Amino acid sequence: MIAVIDYGAGNTQSVVNALEELQTEYIITAHETDLNKASKIIFPGVGEASFTVKKLHMLNLFTMLRIVKKPLLGICLGMQLFCERSVEGNAACLGIMPCQTAMFDKSKTKVPHMGWNKVTFSKESKLFSGIPDNSYFYFAHSYYLPLQDYTIAKTNHGIEFTSAMEKENYYGVQFHPEKSGKYGIKLLNNFIELC
C-alpha cells in the first residue's frame, strides 16, 4: 500500500488520480501510524516551504520523515524539503541533502518556471527505467535545488538545476509526474514497482 501524505497540499488529488490510473492501493493520511504501515510513501508538494515545515511539525511527521527507511518520493516542494534549508520563508528543512534551495533570478529568466521542460539524466536510476533521456515533464516552481552529488537528472531554466534526486531510500522530482502524461505515470509506476 502507498501512503500519500496529506498536509493540505494542492496536488494531493492529482497524485491520487494517477495512483488510481495505475490501479494501486493507497491511503491519504497525516498519521504516522498509517505511514509506518505503508510499503512506500509519496510526499506531494504545492505550497510554501516554511508553512509546510510548520504543518509537518504540527502533525508530528517531521522527525519521522527524517529517519524513515522505506522508499519515500518527494514531489516538487516535497523534494525541496529534503534539503537543509529553504530560502522560501527561511525554513529549516529535513536535512536529507546537504544543500539549500535558491530562487530563480527574475532578471534572467521567467519566474515561476511553469510548463513542459526537458529532463536530462545525470545518473542511472530505477526511477527512470523505461523512460527516454531528455523526455519532457511538467514543472511549476519558483525555487530550485542546485546540482549536487545526489542529482540524478537536471533541467535548464536560465540555470541548470536538480530536476530529480536519489539518496538511499529518498527519491525526489522537481516536476509533477502526476501531470506529465505517460512518462510521469511510468515514473510513478517505477517508484511503486522498482524502488
C-alpha atoms as a PDB file:
ATOM      1  CA  MET A   1       0.000   0.000   0.000  1.00  0.00           C
ATOM      2  CA  ILE A   2       1.172   3.515  -0.888  1.00  0.00           C
ATOM      3  CA  ALA A   3       0.666   6.300   1.662  1.00  0.00           C
ATOM      4  CA  VAL A   4       0.146   9.820   0.307  1.00  0.00           C
ATOM      5  CA  ILE A   5       0.933  12.433   2.946  1.00  0.00           C
ATOM      6  CA  ASP A   6      -1.992  14.818   3.409  1.00  0.00           C
ATOM      7  CA  TYR A   7      -0.840  18.115   4.897  1.00  0.00           C
ATOM      8  CA  GLY A   8      -3.102  20.338   2.787  1.00  0.00           C
ATOM      9  CA  ALA A   9      -1.020  20.317  -0.418  1.00  0.00           C
ATOM     10  CA  GLY A  10      -2.894  21.371  -3.519  1.00  0.00           C
ATOM     11  CA  ASN A  11      -1.827  18.487  -5.747  1.00  0.00           C
ATOM     12  CA  THR A  12      -2.789  15.561  -3.499  1.00  0.00           C
ATOM     13  CA  GLN A  13      -5.863  14.743  -5.604  1.00  0.00           C
ATOM     14  CA  SER A  14      -3.816  14.781  -8.827  1.00  0.00           C
ATOM     15  CA  VAL A  15      -1.403  12.264  -7.296  1.00  0.00           C
ATOM     16  CA  VAL A  16      -4.331  10.111  -6.158  1.00  0.00           C
ATOM     17  CA  ASN A  17      -5.839  10.224  -9.666  1.00  0.00           C
ATOM     18  CA  ALA A  18      -2.536   8.923 -11.076  1.00  0.00           C
ATOM     19  CA  LEU A  19      -2.428   6.113  -8.485  1.00  0.00           C
ATOM     20  CA  GLU A  20      -5.993   5.153  -9.409  1.00  0.00           C
ATOM     21  CA  GLU A  21      -4.973   5.059 -13.070  1.00  0.00           C
ATOM     22  CA  LEU A  22      -2.210   2.642 -12.022  1.00  0.00           C
ATOM     23  CA  GLN A  23      -4.764   0.626 -10.007  1.00  0.00           C
ATOM     24  CA  THR A  24      -2.542   0.923  -6.951  1.00  0.00           C
ATOM     25  CA  GLU A  25      -3.798   0.546  -3.395  1.00  0.00           C
ATOM     26  CA  TYR A  26      -3.260   3.772  -1.488  1.00  0.00           C
ATOM     27  CA  ILE A  27      -4.241   5.748   1.587  1.00  0.00           C
ATOM     28  CA  ILE A  28      -4.296   9.525   2.076  1.00  0.00           C
ATOM     29  CA  THR A  29      -3.132  10.248   5.598  1.00  0.00           C
ATOM     30  CA  ALA A  30      -1.455  12.620   8.012  1.00  0.00           C
ATOM     31  CA  HIS A  31      -0.887   9.976  10.695  1.00  0.00           C
ATOM     32  CA  GLU A  32       2.473   8.420  11.470  1.00  0.00           C
ATOM     33  CA  THR A  33       0.888   5.044  12.269  1.00  0.00           C
ATOM     34  CA  ASP A  34      -0.555   4.853   8.736  1.00  0.00           C
ATOM     35  CA  LEU A  35       2.775   5.859   7.197  1.00  0.00           C
ATOM     36  CA  ASN A  36       4.502   3.123   9.179  1.00  0.00           C
ATOM     37  CA  LYS A  37       2.073   0.519   7.792  1.00  0.00           C
ATOM     38  CA  ALA A  38       2.608   1.576   4.160  1.00  0.00           C
ATOM     39  CA  SER A  39       5.210  -0.035   1.913  1.00  0.00           C
ATOM     40  CA  LYS A  40       6.113   3.316   0.305  1.00  0.00           C
ATOM     41  CA  ILE A  41       5.343   6.990   0.907  1.00  0.00           C
ATOM     42  CA  ILE A  42       4.628   9.833  -1.519  1.00  0.00           C
ATOM     43  CA  PHE A  43       5.217  13.368  -0.240  1.00  0.00           C
ATOM     44  CA  PRO A  44       3.361  15.679  -2.667  1.00  0.00           C
ATOM     45  CA  GLY A  45       4.089  19.355  -2.672  1.00  0.00           C
ATOM     46  CA  VAL A  46       2.376  22.540  -3.696  1.00  0.00           C
ATOM     47  CA  GLY A  47       2.689  25.490  -1.368  1.00  0.00           C
ATOM     48  CA  GLU A  48       5.148  27.496   0.692  1.00  0.00           C
ATOM     49  CA  ALA A  49       8.147  25.888   2.381  1.00  0.00           C
ATOM     50  CA  SER A  50       8.020  27.429   5.871  1.00  0.00           C
ATOM     51  CA  PHE A  51       4.250  26.837   6.153  1.00  0.00           C
ATOM     52  CA  THR A  52       4.682  23.195   5.132  1.00  0.00           C
ATOM     53  CA  VAL A  53       7.509  22.636   7.629  1.00  0.00           C
ATOM     54  CA  LYS A  54       5.290  24.052  10.388  1.00  0.00           C
ATOM     55  CA  LYS A  55       2.478  21.709   9.312  1.00  0.00           C
ATOM     56  CA  LEU A  56       4.829  18.709   9.434  1.00  0.00           C
ATOM     57  CA  HIS A  57       5.822  19.656  12.981  1.00  0.00           C
ATOM     58  CA  MET A  58       2.163  20.127  13.986  1.00  0.00           C
ATOM     59  CA  LEU A  59       1.343  16.679  12.581  1.00  0.00           C
ATOM     60  CA  ASN A  60       4.366  15.116  14.346  1.00  0.00           C
ATOM     61  CA  LEU A  61       5.721  13.934  10.982  1.00  0.00           C
ATOM     62  CA  PHE A  62       8.922  15.986  10.709  1.00  0.00           C
ATOM     63  CA  THR A  63      11.233  13.642  12.633  1.00  0.00           C
ATOM     64  CA  MET A  64       9.607  10.521  11.191  1.00  0.00           C
ATOM     65  CA  LEU A  65      10.302  11.715   7.631  1.00  0.00           C
ATOM     66  CA  ARG A  66      13.948  12.384   8.515  1.00  0.00           C
ATOM     67  CA  ILE A  67      14.571   8.831   9.718  1.00  0.00           C
ATOM     68  CA  VAL A  68      12.145   6.719   7.683  1.00  0.00           C
ATOM     69  CA  LYS A  69      13.767   3.686   5.994  1.00  0.00           C
ATOM     70  CA  LYS A  70      11.097   2.847   3.409  1.00  0.00           C
ATOM     71  CA  PRO A  71      11.087   4.403  -0.082  1.00  0.00           C
ATOM     72  CA  LEU A  72       9.888   8.000   0.016  1.00  0.00           C
ATOM     73  CA  LEU A  73       9.148  10.062  -3.112  1.00  0.00           C
ATOM     74  CA  GLY A  74       9.107  13.842  -2.731  1.00  0.00           C
ATOM     75  CA  ILE A  75       7.329  15.780  -5.491  1.00  0.00           C
ATOM     76  CA  CYS A  76       8.129  19.460  -6.195  1.00  0.00           C
ATOM     77  CA  LEU A  77       8.087  21.159  -2.770  1.00  0.00           C
ATOM     78  CA  GLY A  78       8.236  17.671  -1.265  1.00  0.00           C
ATOM     79  CA  MET A  79      11.693  17.215  -2.823  1.00  0.00           C
ATOM     80  CA  GLN A  80      12.823  20.734  -1.924  1.00  0.00           C
ATOM     81  CA  LEU A  81      12.129  19.998   1.739  1.00  0.00           C
ATOM     82  CA  PHE A  82      14.724  17.196   1.622  1.00  0.00           C
ATOM     83  CA  CYS A  83      17.404  19.918   1.730  1.00  0.00           C
ATOM     84  CA  GLU A  84      18.881  21.529   4.848  1.00  0.00           C
ATOM     85  CA  ARG A  85      17.242  24.921   4.427  1.00  0.00           C
ATOM     86  CA  SER A  86      14.853  26.710   2.100  1.00  0.00           C
ATOM     87  CA  VAL A  87      15.240  30.391   1.333  1.00  0.00           C
ATOM     88  CA  GLU A  88      11.457  30.441   0.939  1.00  0.00           C
ATOM     89  CA  GLY A  89      10.469  31.638   4.392  1.00  0.00           C
ATOM     90  CA  ASN A  90      13.972  30.827   5.711  1.00  0.00           C
ATOM     91  CA  ALA A  91      12.770  27.366   6.731  1.00  0.00           C
ATOM     92  CA  ALA A  92      14.913  24.672   8.348  1.00  0.00           C
ATOM     93  CA  CYS A  93      14.079  21.564   6.333  1.00  0.00           C
ATOM     94  CA  LEU A  94      14.543  17.799   6.722  1.00  0.00           C
ATOM     95  CA  GLY A  95      18.306  17.814   6.123  1.00  0.00           C
ATOM     96  CA  ILE A  96      18.420  14.736   3.882  1.00  0.00           C
ATOM     97  CA  MET A  97      20.574  16.503   1.282  1.00  0.00           C
ATOM     98  CA  PRO A  98      23.466  18.866   2.122  1.00  0.00           C
ATOM     99  CA  CYS A  99      22.213  21.894   0.201  1.00  0.00           C
ATOM    100  CA  GLN A 100      19.644  24.670   0.314  1.00  0.00           C
ATOM    101  CA  THR A 101      17.104  25.928  -2.168  1.00  0.00           C
ATOM    102  CA  ALA A 102      17.611  29.001  -4.305  1.00  0.00           C
ATOM    103  CA  MET A 103      15.170  31.201  -6.187  1.00  0.00           C
ATOM    104  CA  PHE A 104      15.328  31.722  -9.935  1.00  0.00           C
ATOM    105  CA  ASP A 105      16.706  35.148 -10.890  1.00  0.00           C
ATOM    106  CA  LYS A 106      13.731  37.135 -12.243  1.00  0.00           C
ATOM    107  CA  SER A 107      16.103  39.401 -14.170  1.00  0.00           C
ATOM    108  CA  LYS A 108      17.425  36.438 -16.176  1.00  0.00           C
ATOM    109  CA  THR A 109      14.505  34.070 -16.635  1.00  0.00           C
ATOM    110  CA  LYS A 110      10.729  33.816 -16.279  1.00  0.00           C
ATOM    111  CA  VAL A 111       9.534  33.136 -12.717  1.00  0.00           C
ATOM    112  CA  PRO A 112       7.783  30.902 -11.908  1.00  0.00           C
ATOM    113  CA  HIS A 113       9.176  28.169 -14.138  1.00  0.00           C
ATOM    114  CA  MET A 114       5.914  26.750 -15.445  1.00  0.00           C
ATOM    115  CA  GLY A 115       5.209  24.316 -18.239  1.00  0.00           C
ATOM    116  CA  TRP A 116       6.909  21.443 -20.027  1.00  0.00           C
ATOM    117  CA  ASN A 117      10.680  21.153 -19.972  1.00  0.00           C
ATOM    118  CA  LYS A 118      13.338  18.602 -20.835  1.00  0.00           C
ATOM    119  CA  VAL A 119      14.806  16.334 -18.148  1.00  0.00           C
ATOM    120  CA  THR A 120      18.341  15.117 -18.821  1.00  0.00           C
ATOM    121  CA  PHE A 121      19.635  12.127 -16.872  1.00  0.00           C
ATOM    122  CA  SER A 122      22.864  12.524 -14.877  1.00  0.00           C
ATOM    123  CA  LYS A 123      22.991   9.055 -13.309  1.00  0.00           C
ATOM    124  CA  GLU A 124      21.209   5.768 -13.830  1.00  0.00           C
ATOM    125  CA  SER A 125      18.192   5.271 -11.589  1.00  0.00           C
ATOM    126  CA  LYS A 126      15.317   2.810 -11.312  1.00  0.00           C
ATOM    127  CA  LEU A 127      13.058   5.848 -11.142  1.00  0.00           C
ATOM    128  CA  PHE A 128      13.638   6.475 -14.867  1.00  0.00           C
ATOM    129  CA  SER A 129      13.568   2.856 -16.033  1.00  0.00           C
ATOM    130  CA  GLY A 130      11.952   2.667 -19.481  1.00  0.00           C
ATOM    131  CA  ILE A 131      11.832   6.468 -19.850  1.00  0.00           C
ATOM    132  CA  PRO A 132      13.947   8.007 -22.635  1.00  0.00           C
ATOM    133  CA  ASP A 133      16.633  10.532 -21.702  1.00  0.00           C
ATOM    134  CA  ASN A 134      15.618  14.137 -22.453  1.00  0.00           C
ATOM    135  CA  SER A 135      11.911  13.393 -22.039  1.00  0.00           C
ATOM    136  CA  TYR A 136       9.622  16.295 -21.170  1.00  0.00           C
ATOM    137  CA  PHE A 137       7.878  16.703 -17.807  1.00  0.00           C
ATOM    138  CA  TYR A 138       5.611  19.375 -16.353  1.00  0.00           C
ATOM    139  CA  PHE A 139       7.102  21.943 -13.938  1.00  0.00           C
ATOM    140  CA  ALA A 140       5.551  24.649 -11.738  1.00  0.00           C
ATOM    141  CA  HIS A 141       8.013  26.259  -9.273  1.00  0.00           C
ATOM    142  CA  SER A 142       9.954  29.404  -8.378  1.00  0.00           C
ATOM    143  CA  TYR A 143      12.607  27.767  -6.177  1.00  0.00           C
ATOM    144  CA  TYR A 144      15.045  25.027  -7.093  1.00  0.00           C
ATOM    145  CA  LEU A 145      17.784  22.764  -5.751  1.00  0.00           C
ATOM    146  CA  PRO A 146      21.274  23.263  -7.174  1.00  0.00           C
ATOM    147  CA  LEU A 147      23.138  20.425  -8.840  1.00  0.00           C
ATOM    148  CA  GLN A 148      24.863  18.236  -6.230  1.00  0.00           C
ATOM    149  CA  ASP A 149      26.122  14.705  -5.571  1.00  0.00           C
ATOM    150  CA  TYR A 150      22.620  13.198  -5.321  1.00  0.00           C
ATOM    151  CA  THR A 151      21.334  14.737  -8.552  1.00  0.00           C
ATOM    152  CA  ILE A 152      20.160  12.027 -10.976  1.00  0.00           C
ATOM    153  CA  ALA A 153      18.587  14.369 -13.553  1.00  0.00           C
ATOM    154  CA  LYS A 154      18.874  18.035 -14.435  1.00  0.00           C
ATOM    155  CA  THR A 155      16.886  20.663 -16.299  1.00  0.00           C
ATOM    156  CA  ASN A 156      17.784  24.093 -17.657  1.00  0.00           C
ATOM    157  CA  HIS A 157      15.691  27.186 -16.949  1.00  0.00           C
ATOM    158  CA  GLY A 158      18.181  30.013 -17.172  1.00  0.00           C
ATOM    159  CA  ILE A 159      20.406  27.853 -14.980  1.00  0.00           C
ATOM    160  CA  GLU A 160      20.837  24.094 -14.683  1.00  0.00           C
ATOM    161  CA  PHE A 161      19.142  22.736 -11.575  1.00  0.00           C
ATOM    162  CA  THR A 162      18.306  19.386  -9.983  1.00  0.00           C
ATOM    163  CA  SER A 163      15.114  18.033 -11.509  1.00  0.00           C
ATOM    164  CA  ALA A 164      15.451  14.607  -9.821  1.00  0.00           C
ATOM    165  CA  MET A 165      17.499  13.227  -6.937  1.00  0.00           C
ATOM    166  CA  GLU A 166      18.143   9.930  -5.187  1.00  0.00           C
ATOM    167  CA  LYS A 167      19.802   9.267  -1.852  1.00  0.00           C
ATOM    168  CA  GLU A 168      19.390   5.818  -0.295  1.00  0.00           C
ATOM    169  CA  ASN A 169      15.589   5.399   0.152  1.00  0.00           C
ATOM    170  CA  TYR A 170      14.834   9.050  -0.667  1.00  0.00           C
ATOM    171  CA  TYR A 171      13.739   9.938  -4.200  1.00  0.00           C
ATOM    172  CA  GLY A 172      12.699  13.371  -5.384  1.00  0.00           C
ATOM    173  CA  VAL A 173      11.447  15.065  -8.529  1.00  0.00           C
ATOM    174  CA  GLN A 174      11.045  18.807  -9.049  1.00  0.00           C
ATOM    175  CA  PHE A 175       8.473  18.274 -11.789  1.00  0.00           C
ATOM    176  CA  HIS A 176       4.960  16.917 -11.336  1.00  0.00           C
ATOM    177  CA  PRO A 177       4.813  13.317 -12.623  1.00  0.00           C
ATOM    178  CA  GLU A 178       1.082  13.228 -11.927  1.00  0.00           C
ATOM    179  CA  LYS A 179       0.654  15.979 -14.563  1.00  0.00           C
ATOM    180  CA  SER A 180       3.319  14.760 -17.005  1.00  0.00           C
ATOM    181  CA  GLY A 181       1.444  12.335 -19.218  1.00  0.00           C
ATOM    182  CA  LYS A 182       2.643   8.818 -19.984  1.00  0.00           C
ATOM    183  CA  TYR A 183       6.223   9.311 -18.761  1.00  0.00           C
ATOM    184  CA  GLY A 184       5.006  10.779 -15.500  1.00  0.00           C
ATOM    185  CA  ILE A 185       2.732   7.781 -14.964  1.00  0.00           C
ATOM    186  CA  LYS A 186       5.636   5.493 -15.873  1.00  0.00           C
ATOM    187  CA  LEU A 187       7.853   7.201 -13.281  1.00  0.00           C
ATOM    188  CA  LEU A 188       5.233   6.754 -10.559  1.00  0.00           C
ATOM    189  CA  ASN A 189       4.849   3.123 -11.533  1.00  0.00           C
ATOM    190  CA  ASN A 190       8.641   2.700 -11.399  1.00  0.00           C
ATOM    191  CA  PHE A 191       8.659   4.102  -7.872  1.00  0.00           C
ATOM    192  CA  ILE A 192       5.878   1.740  -6.842  1.00  0.00           C
ATOM    193  CA  GLU A 193       7.290  -1.379  -8.530  1.00  0.00           C
ATOM    194  CA  LEU A 194      11.094  -0.950  -8.586  1.00  0.00           C
ATOM    195  CA  CYS A 195      12.248   1.410  -5.857  1.00  0.00           C
END
